[in-house]
Each structure stands twice: as C-alpha cells, then as structure tokens.
Amino acid sequence: VYYFDSWLKRNQDSLEFFLKKTNTELTIILSDPDKNMATIKRLFPDKNEASLREKIHQTKSRVESIRNKVGASSSRVKIYLYPYPLGYAIQSFDKTKVALSFFEMFREDRVLSPLFLLNLTKSEKTRQFIEKEIEGLIKES
C-alpha cells in the first residue's frame, strides 16, 4: 500500500482484535517515498509531498502503538519499504483469506478500486502464488 492513515483510523478496533489473537502476524509493505514520490503524488493529487511522506512514515509508529496497546510481540508486526511503485494491495488474514485490491492509477475524483476477497483454502495454486508474491516484495524491500 502507499499509506494506512485512513485505514488505521477506521479499523483500529479490528486490528486490535486481530493482534490479540495468538499466532497472528501482520506484514505491511509500503511504497518507499524516497524512491517513488512522483508516482505517489500522482495517485494522491490532493495531498502535498510533506503530508504524504508523513503519512507513510507514521504508519509504522501507529501500528506499533496499537501492537503495544494489546501487548503483542514485536516479532508479529513487520513493516517494509518497497523501492518500486505498487499497483495493488494485499491483506492476508491468517494465511487462509486474502483481500486483493488494485490501485486506480488514473483516478479522478474519488477512489473506485475494486476489492476481491479470496479464500486460500479453496485453491492451493492461488495460495502459493500469493505467498510467493508477498515473499518477493519483502525480498526486494
């Protein structure tokens, strides 16, 4: 994703609930603003560069604050900066479900990106693909 500012505000209770469960893990891969600001600014024309940079960098501190609040181990939350623009967002839940959404690269007034919810227990090939994709993003971060 590019930043989680609005998502964190709207979903803090859900994230707390998720991190309170044992053996859950949260991995967030953000587009590195030091390497992708031109693309990020194009996707969020209503925000200035300083604001975007702040939202991206504050994602880590906000997630860490939530993690600390519920007493989850720091090893269960991993945040990476990816050196290339991202065209999609993947949220994996307990490696059984994935929410996949594509960024609207040429948005006009508001975001209309679709979201697909995939049940990974129904397709081993899809699960392997998603796992490989996430591993590749982390490796290059």
Protein backbone atom coordinates (compact mmCIF):
# COMPACT_ATOMS: atom_id res chain seq x y z
CA VAL A 1 0.00 0.00 0.00
CA TYR A 2 1.04 3.62 -0.11
CA TYR A 3 -0.06 4.53 3.40
CA PHE A 4 -2.51 3.24 6.00
CA ASP A 5 -3.55 6.51 7.63
CA SER A 6 -7.30 6.41 6.94
CA TRP A 7 -7.46 2.62 7.15
CA LEU A 8 -5.86 2.59 10.60
CA LYS A 9 -8.26 5.22 11.89
CA ARG A 10 -11.31 3.33 10.63
CA ASN A 11 -10.11 -0.15 11.59
CA GLN A 12 -8.16 0.26 14.82
CA ASP A 13 -10.60 -1.91 16.81
CA SER A 14 -10.40 -4.69 14.22
CA LEU A 15 -6.60 -4.52 14.17
CA GLU A 16 -6.51 -4.68 17.96
CA PHE A 17 -8.79 -7.72 17.90
CA PHE A 18 -6.59 -9.37 15.25
CA LEU A 19 -3.38 -8.77 17.20
CA LYS A 20 -4.93 -10.00 20.46
CA LYS A 21 -5.37 -13.43 18.88
CA THR A 22 -2.41 -15.73 19.40
CA ASN A 23 -0.15 -16.63 16.50
CA THR A 24 -1.37 -13.85 14.21
CA GLU A 25 1.12 -11.88 12.17
CA LEU A 26 0.81 -8.55 10.38
CA THR A 27 3.05 -7.65 7.46
CA ILE A 28 2.73 -4.25 5.78
CA ILE A 29 4.64 -3.38 2.62
CA LEU A 30 4.65 0.33 1.79
CA SER A 31 5.98 2.04 -1.29
CA ASP A 32 9.19 3.86 -0.31
CA PRO A 33 8.51 7.61 -0.56
CA ASP A 34 12.20 8.36 -1.09
CA LYS A 35 12.14 6.35 -4.32
CA ASN A 36 8.55 6.71 -5.54
CA MET A 37 7.30 10.17 -4.63
CA ALA A 38 6.45 11.15 -8.20
CA THR A 39 4.09 8.18 -8.55
CA ILE A 40 2.68 8.64 -5.06
CA LYS A 41 1.95 12.34 -5.72
CA ARG A 42 0.22 11.45 -8.99
CA LEU A 43 -2.03 8.96 -7.16
CA PHE A 44 -2.87 11.42 -4.38
CA PRO A 45 -3.01 14.83 -6.12
CA ASP A 46 -4.97 16.38 -3.25
CA LYS A 47 -2.06 15.81 -0.82
CA ASN A 48 1.28 17.61 -0.74
CA GLU A 49 4.59 15.79 -0.66
CA ALA A 50 5.31 16.51 3.02
CA SER A 51 1.90 15.19 4.04
CA LEU A 52 2.30 12.01 2.01
CA ARG A 53 5.78 11.38 3.37
CA GLU A 54 4.49 11.89 6.91
CA LYS A 55 1.53 9.52 6.41
CA ILE A 56 3.83 6.79 5.09
CA HIS A 57 6.37 7.14 7.88
CA GLN A 58 3.70 7.43 10.59
CA THR A 59 2.15 4.13 9.53
CA LYS A 60 4.89 2.26 11.40
CA SER A 61 4.54 4.26 14.62
CA ARG A 62 0.72 3.98 14.60
CA VAL A 63 0.80 0.22 14.04
CA GLU A 64 3.46 -0.16 16.74
CA SER A 65 1.29 1.86 19.13
CA ILE A 66 -1.64 -0.48 18.53
CA ARG A 67 0.63 -3.52 18.93
CA ASN A 68 1.93 -2.17 22.24
CA LYS A 69 -1.61 -1.39 23.45
CA VAL A 70 -2.68 -5.02 23.11
CA GLY A 71 0.65 -6.45 24.32
CA ALA A 72 1.52 -8.30 21.11
CA SER A 73 5.13 -9.28 20.50
CA SER A 74 7.15 -7.02 18.17
CA SER A 75 8.06 -10.09 16.10
CA ARG A 76 4.41 -10.33 14.99
CA VAL A 77 4.40 -6.98 13.17
CA LYS A 78 6.69 -6.37 10.20
CA ILE A 79 6.74 -3.24 8.04
CA TYR A 80 8.80 -2.93 4.86
CA LEU A 81 9.50 -0.10 2.40
CA TYR A 82 9.32 -1.37 -1.18
CA PRO A 83 11.57 0.51 -3.63
CA TYR A 84 9.09 0.50 -6.56
CA PRO A 85 5.56 1.77 -7.13
CA LEU A 86 2.85 -0.72 -6.15
CA GLY A 87 -0.17 -1.42 -8.34
CA TYR A 88 -2.16 -3.37 -5.78
CA ALA A 89 -2.66 -4.04 -2.08
CA ILE A 90 -2.78 -7.48 -0.48
CA GLN A 91 -4.06 -8.09 3.03
CA SER A 92 -3.59 -11.67 4.20
CA PHE A 93 -5.55 -12.96 7.18
CA ASP A 94 -4.11 -15.99 8.95
CA LYS A 95 -2.91 -17.28 5.56
CA THR A 96 -6.44 -18.50 4.82
CA LYS A 97 -8.05 -15.41 3.28
CA VAL A 98 -6.68 -12.57 1.19
CA ALA A 99 -8.17 -9.21 0.31
CA LEU A 100 -6.73 -8.05 -3.01
CA SER A 101 -7.37 -4.60 -4.41
CA PHE A 102 -5.89 -2.75 -7.34
CA PHE A 103 -4.88 0.87 -7.16
CA GLU A 104 -6.62 3.15 -9.55
CA MET A 105 -3.61 4.53 -11.37
CA PHE A 106 -5.60 7.30 -13.06
CA ARG A 107 -8.20 8.34 -10.50
CA GLU A 108 -10.28 11.42 -10.95
CA ASP A 109 -12.42 12.49 -8.03
CA ARG A 110 -12.54 9.53 -5.67
CA VAL A 111 -11.15 6.03 -5.41
CA LEU A 112 -13.24 3.35 -7.08
CA SER A 113 -10.81 0.45 -6.73
CA PRO A 114 -12.43 -2.99 -6.53
CA LEU A 115 -11.67 -5.42 -3.71
CA PHE A 116 -11.55 -9.17 -4.21
CA LEU A 117 -11.76 -11.50 -1.22
CA LEU A 118 -10.06 -14.83 -1.89
CA ASN A 119 -10.42 -17.95 0.23
CA LEU A 120 -6.97 -19.55 0.02
CA THR A 121 -8.22 -22.84 1.44
CA LYS A 122 -10.11 -23.38 -1.82
CA SER A 123 -7.11 -23.17 -4.17
CA GLU A 124 -3.61 -24.35 -3.39
CA LYS A 125 -2.24 -22.71 -6.56
CA THR A 126 -3.70 -19.33 -5.58
CA ARG A 127 -2.30 -19.68 -2.05
CA GLN A 128 1.14 -20.50 -3.45
CA PHE A 129 1.01 -17.55 -5.86
CA ILE A 130 0.03 -15.07 -3.13
CA GLU A 131 2.69 -16.43 -0.78
CA LYS A 132 5.37 -16.20 -3.50
CA GLU A 133 4.28 -12.66 -4.40
CA ILE A 134 4.47 -11.44 -0.81
CA GLU A 135 7.86 -13.13 -0.31
CA GLY A 136 9.17 -11.39 -3.46
CA LEU A 137 8.00 -7.98 -2.29
CA ILE A 138 9.67 -8.50 1.09
CA LYS A 139 12.90 -9.76 -0.50
CA GLU A 140 13.19 -6.63 -2.64
CA SER A 141 12.36 -4.28 0.24
